Amino acid sequence: MPVGATKAQSKTKGAPRWDLTSIYPAFDSAEYAADFKKLSRETGRFLVLAADTSAAVADPEKWLLACIKLHNSTSDLAENLQ
């Protein structure tokens, strides 16, 4: 049985229907809207951080790790929203 499919769905023919209610109850839910707003904020933070050349020069390792961490969390959030 595909991950995320229910037993009833796995017995039917055709493409499985994925249960995403563990992430968002519905696309018009408050949780989805909040994460959409959060994605916008976090994307803005990433762009500011990535453009901060003085931080990159001052401590390249710290700057790069911060960029990677923020990129990963933003990417995870974007993936959930798709």
N, C-alpha and C. Protein backbone atom coordinates (compact mmCIF):
# COMPACT_ATOMS: atom_id res chain seq x y z
N MET A 1 0.85 -1.18 0.00
CA MET A 1 0.00 0.00 0.00
C MET A 1 0.89 1.24 0.00
N PRO A 2 0.63 2.21 -0.88
CA PRO A 2 1.45 3.42 -0.92
C PRO A 2 1.38 4.18 0.39
N VAL A 3 2.48 4.80 0.77
CA VAL A 3 2.51 5.60 1.98
C VAL A 3 1.50 6.73 1.85
N GLY A 4 0.68 6.93 2.85
CA GLY A 4 -0.32 7.98 2.82
C GLY A 4 -1.68 7.55 2.29
N ALA A 5 -1.76 6.36 1.70
CA ALA A 5 -3.04 5.88 1.17
C ALA A 5 -3.75 5.06 2.24
N THR A 6 -5.05 5.14 2.28
CA THR A 6 -5.82 4.34 3.23
C THR A 6 -6.08 2.97 2.63
N LYS A 7 -6.53 2.03 3.46
CA LYS A 7 -6.82 0.68 2.96
C LYS A 7 -7.89 0.72 1.87
N ALA A 8 -8.91 1.53 2.07
CA ALA A 8 -9.98 1.63 1.08
C ALA A 8 -9.44 2.15 -0.24
N GLN A 9 -8.53 3.13 -0.17
CA GLN A 9 -7.98 3.69 -1.38
C GLN A 9 -7.07 2.71 -2.10
N SER A 10 -6.38 1.86 -1.34
CA SER A 10 -5.46 0.93 -1.99
C SER A 10 -6.20 -0.19 -2.70
N LYS A 11 -7.48 -0.43 -2.36
CA LYS A 11 -8.27 -1.47 -3.00
C LYS A 11 -8.95 -0.99 -4.28
N THR A 12 -9.01 0.33 -4.46
CA THR A 12 -9.65 0.86 -5.66
C THR A 12 -8.64 0.93 -6.78
N LYS A 13 -9.16 0.93 -8.00
CA LYS A 13 -8.29 1.05 -9.15
C LYS A 13 -8.05 2.53 -9.44
N GLY A 14 -6.95 2.80 -10.08
CA GLY A 14 -6.62 4.18 -10.42
C GLY A 14 -5.58 4.73 -9.47
N ALA A 15 -5.32 6.00 -9.64
CA ALA A 15 -4.29 6.66 -8.84
C ALA A 15 -4.73 6.76 -7.38
N PRO A 16 -3.79 6.62 -6.45
CA PRO A 16 -4.14 6.74 -5.04
C PRO A 16 -4.44 8.19 -4.69
N ARG A 17 -5.25 8.35 -3.70
CA ARG A 17 -5.53 9.68 -3.17
C ARG A 17 -4.76 9.80 -1.87
N TRP A 18 -3.98 10.87 -1.76
CA TRP A 18 -3.13 11.03 -0.60
C TRP A 18 -3.88 11.79 0.48
N ASP A 19 -3.70 11.35 1.71
CA ASP A 19 -4.32 12.00 2.86
C ASP A 19 -3.32 12.99 3.44
N LEU A 20 -3.56 14.25 3.21
CA LEU A 20 -2.66 15.29 3.71
C LEU A 20 -3.18 15.98 4.96
N THR A 21 -4.21 15.42 5.57
CA THR A 21 -4.78 16.07 6.75
C THR A 21 -3.83 16.07 7.94
N SER A 22 -2.77 15.28 7.89
CA SER A 22 -1.79 15.35 8.98
C SER A 22 -0.97 16.64 8.88
N ILE A 23 -1.00 17.29 7.73
CA ILE A 23 -0.27 18.55 7.55
C ILE A 23 -1.24 19.73 7.64
N TYR A 24 -2.30 19.69 6.85
CA TYR A 24 -3.32 20.75 6.84
C TYR A 24 -4.70 20.11 6.78
N PRO A 25 -5.64 20.60 7.61
CA PRO A 25 -6.99 20.05 7.55
C PRO A 25 -7.67 20.30 6.21
N ALA A 26 -7.33 21.43 5.57
CA ALA A 26 -7.90 21.78 4.27
C ALA A 26 -7.09 22.94 3.70
N PHE A 27 -7.22 23.13 2.39
CA PHE A 27 -6.48 24.22 1.76
C PHE A 27 -7.00 25.59 2.18
N ASP A 28 -8.22 25.65 2.68
CA ASP A 28 -8.75 26.94 3.14
C ASP A 28 -8.68 27.07 4.65
N SER A 29 -7.84 26.24 5.29
CA SER A 29 -7.72 26.27 6.75
C SER A 29 -6.82 27.40 7.22
N ALA A 30 -6.97 27.76 8.48
CA ALA A 30 -6.13 28.79 9.09
C ALA A 30 -4.67 28.35 9.11
N GLU A 31 -4.43 27.06 9.31
CA GLU A 31 -3.06 26.53 9.34
C GLU A 31 -2.36 26.70 8.00
N TYR A 32 -3.08 26.41 6.93
CA TYR A 32 -2.51 26.57 5.59
C TYR A 32 -2.20 28.04 5.32
N ALA A 33 -3.14 28.91 5.64
CA ALA A 33 -2.95 30.35 5.42
C ALA A 33 -1.77 30.87 6.24
N ALA A 34 -1.65 30.41 7.48
CA ALA A 34 -0.54 30.85 8.33
C ALA A 34 0.80 30.40 7.76
N ASP A 35 0.88 29.16 7.29
CA ASP A 35 2.14 28.69 6.71
C ASP A 35 2.45 29.39 5.40
N PHE A 36 1.43 29.75 4.65
CA PHE A 36 1.66 30.49 3.41
C PHE A 36 2.29 31.86 3.72
N LYS A 37 1.76 32.52 4.75
CA LYS A 37 2.33 33.82 5.17
C LYS A 37 3.75 33.63 5.71
N LYS A 38 3.94 32.55 6.47
CA LYS A 38 5.27 32.26 7.02
C LYS A 38 6.27 32.03 5.88
N LEU A 39 5.86 31.34 4.85
CA LEU A 39 6.74 31.09 3.71
C LEU A 39 7.18 32.41 3.08
N SER A 40 6.27 33.33 2.95
CA SER A 40 6.60 34.64 2.38
C SER A 40 7.63 35.36 3.26
N ARG A 41 7.42 35.36 4.57
CA ARG A 41 8.36 36.00 5.50
C ARG A 41 9.73 35.33 5.44
N GLU A 42 9.74 33.99 5.50
CA GLU A 42 11.00 33.25 5.52
C GLU A 42 11.76 33.40 4.21
N THR A 43 11.06 33.48 3.10
CA THR A 43 11.71 33.71 1.82
C THR A 43 12.39 35.08 1.82
N GLY A 44 11.71 36.07 2.35
CA GLY A 44 12.29 37.41 2.47
C GLY A 44 13.52 37.40 3.35
N ARG A 45 13.45 36.69 4.48
CA ARG A 45 14.61 36.58 5.38
C ARG A 45 15.78 35.92 4.66
N PHE A 46 15.49 34.89 3.88
CA PHE A 46 16.56 34.20 3.15
C PHE A 46 17.22 35.14 2.15
N LEU A 47 16.42 35.89 1.42
CA LEU A 47 16.98 36.81 0.43
C LEU A 47 17.87 37.87 1.07
N VAL A 48 17.45 38.37 2.23
CA VAL A 48 18.25 39.36 2.96
C VAL A 48 19.56 38.73 3.43
N LEU A 49 19.45 37.55 4.02
CA LEU A 49 20.64 36.86 4.51
C LEU A 49 21.61 36.53 3.38
N ALA A 50 21.09 36.03 2.28
CA ALA A 50 21.95 35.64 1.16
C ALA A 50 22.66 36.86 0.55
N ALA A 51 22.04 38.01 0.63
CA ALA A 51 22.63 39.22 0.06
C ALA A 51 23.58 39.94 1.02
N ASP A 52 23.66 39.46 2.25
CA ASP A 52 24.49 40.11 3.27
C ASP A 52 25.96 39.74 3.08
N THR A 53 26.61 40.46 2.19
CA THR A 53 28.01 40.13 1.88
C THR A 53 28.94 40.44 3.04
N SER A 54 28.60 41.40 3.88
CA SER A 54 29.47 41.70 5.02
C SER A 54 29.49 40.53 6.01
N ALA A 55 28.35 39.89 6.22
CA ALA A 55 28.31 38.71 7.09
C ALA A 55 29.05 37.54 6.46
N ALA A 56 28.94 37.43 5.15
CA ALA A 56 29.63 36.35 4.44
C ALA A 56 31.14 36.51 4.53
N VAL A 57 31.61 37.74 4.48
CA VAL A 57 33.05 38.00 4.56
C VAL A 57 33.54 37.86 6.00
N ALA A 58 32.76 38.36 6.96
CA ALA A 58 33.17 38.35 8.36
C ALA A 58 33.31 36.94 8.91
N ASP A 59 32.33 36.09 8.60
CA ASP A 59 32.36 34.71 9.11
C ASP A 59 31.67 33.81 8.08
N PRO A 60 32.40 33.42 7.05
CA PRO A 60 31.79 32.66 5.96
C PRO A 60 31.12 31.36 6.41
N GLU A 61 31.74 30.66 7.34
CA GLU A 61 31.15 29.38 7.79
C GLU A 61 29.82 29.61 8.48
N LYS A 62 29.77 30.57 9.39
CA LYS A 62 28.52 30.88 10.12
C LYS A 62 27.44 31.34 9.14
N TRP A 63 27.82 32.21 8.19
CA TRP A 63 26.87 32.73 7.21
C TRP A 63 26.32 31.61 6.33
N LEU A 64 27.22 30.74 5.85
CA LEU A 64 26.79 29.66 4.97
C LEU A 64 25.87 28.69 5.70
N LEU A 65 26.23 28.34 6.94
CA LEU A 65 25.37 27.44 7.71
C LEU A 65 23.99 28.04 7.95
N ALA A 66 23.95 29.35 8.23
CA ALA A 66 22.66 30.02 8.42
C ALA A 66 21.85 30.01 7.13
N CYS A 67 22.52 30.25 6.00
CA CYS A 67 21.84 30.21 4.70
C CYS A 67 21.27 28.82 4.43
N ILE A 68 22.08 27.81 4.68
CA ILE A 68 21.62 26.43 4.42
C ILE A 68 20.45 26.07 5.32
N LYS A 69 20.54 26.40 6.59
CA LYS A 69 19.45 26.10 7.53
C LYS A 69 18.15 26.79 7.11
N LEU A 70 18.24 28.06 6.77
CA LEU A 70 17.05 28.80 6.37
C LEU A 70 16.51 28.31 5.03
N HIS A 71 17.40 27.99 4.12
CA HIS A 71 16.98 27.44 2.83
C HIS A 71 16.24 26.12 3.03
N ASN A 72 16.78 25.25 3.85
CA ASN A 72 16.16 23.95 4.08
C ASN A 72 14.78 24.08 4.73
N SER A 73 14.67 24.93 5.74
CA SER A 73 13.37 25.07 6.40
C SER A 73 12.35 25.71 5.47
N THR A 74 12.78 26.67 4.66
CA THR A 74 11.89 27.31 3.70
C THR A 74 11.46 26.32 2.61
N SER A 75 12.40 25.52 2.17
CA SER A 75 12.07 24.51 1.15
C SER A 75 11.08 23.48 1.68
N ASP A 76 11.28 23.05 2.93
CA ASP A 76 10.34 22.09 3.54
C ASP A 76 8.94 22.68 3.61
N LEU A 77 8.86 23.93 4.02
CA LEU A 77 7.56 24.59 4.12
C LEU A 77 6.91 24.72 2.75
N ALA A 78 7.68 25.11 1.75
CA ALA A 78 7.15 25.24 0.39
C ALA A 78 6.66 23.89 -0.13
N GLU A 79 7.39 22.84 0.18
CA GLU A 79 6.98 21.50 -0.26
C GLU A 79 5.65 21.10 0.38
N ASN A 80 5.46 21.43 1.64
CA ASN A 80 4.19 21.12 2.30
C ASN A 80 3.02 21.87 1.66
N LEU A 81 3.29 23.09 1.22
CA LEU A 81 2.23 23.92 0.67
C LEU A 81 1.85 23.55 -0.76
N GLN A 82 2.66 22.76 -1.44
CA GLN A 82 2.36 22.42 -2.83
C GLN A 82 1.23 21.44 -2.92
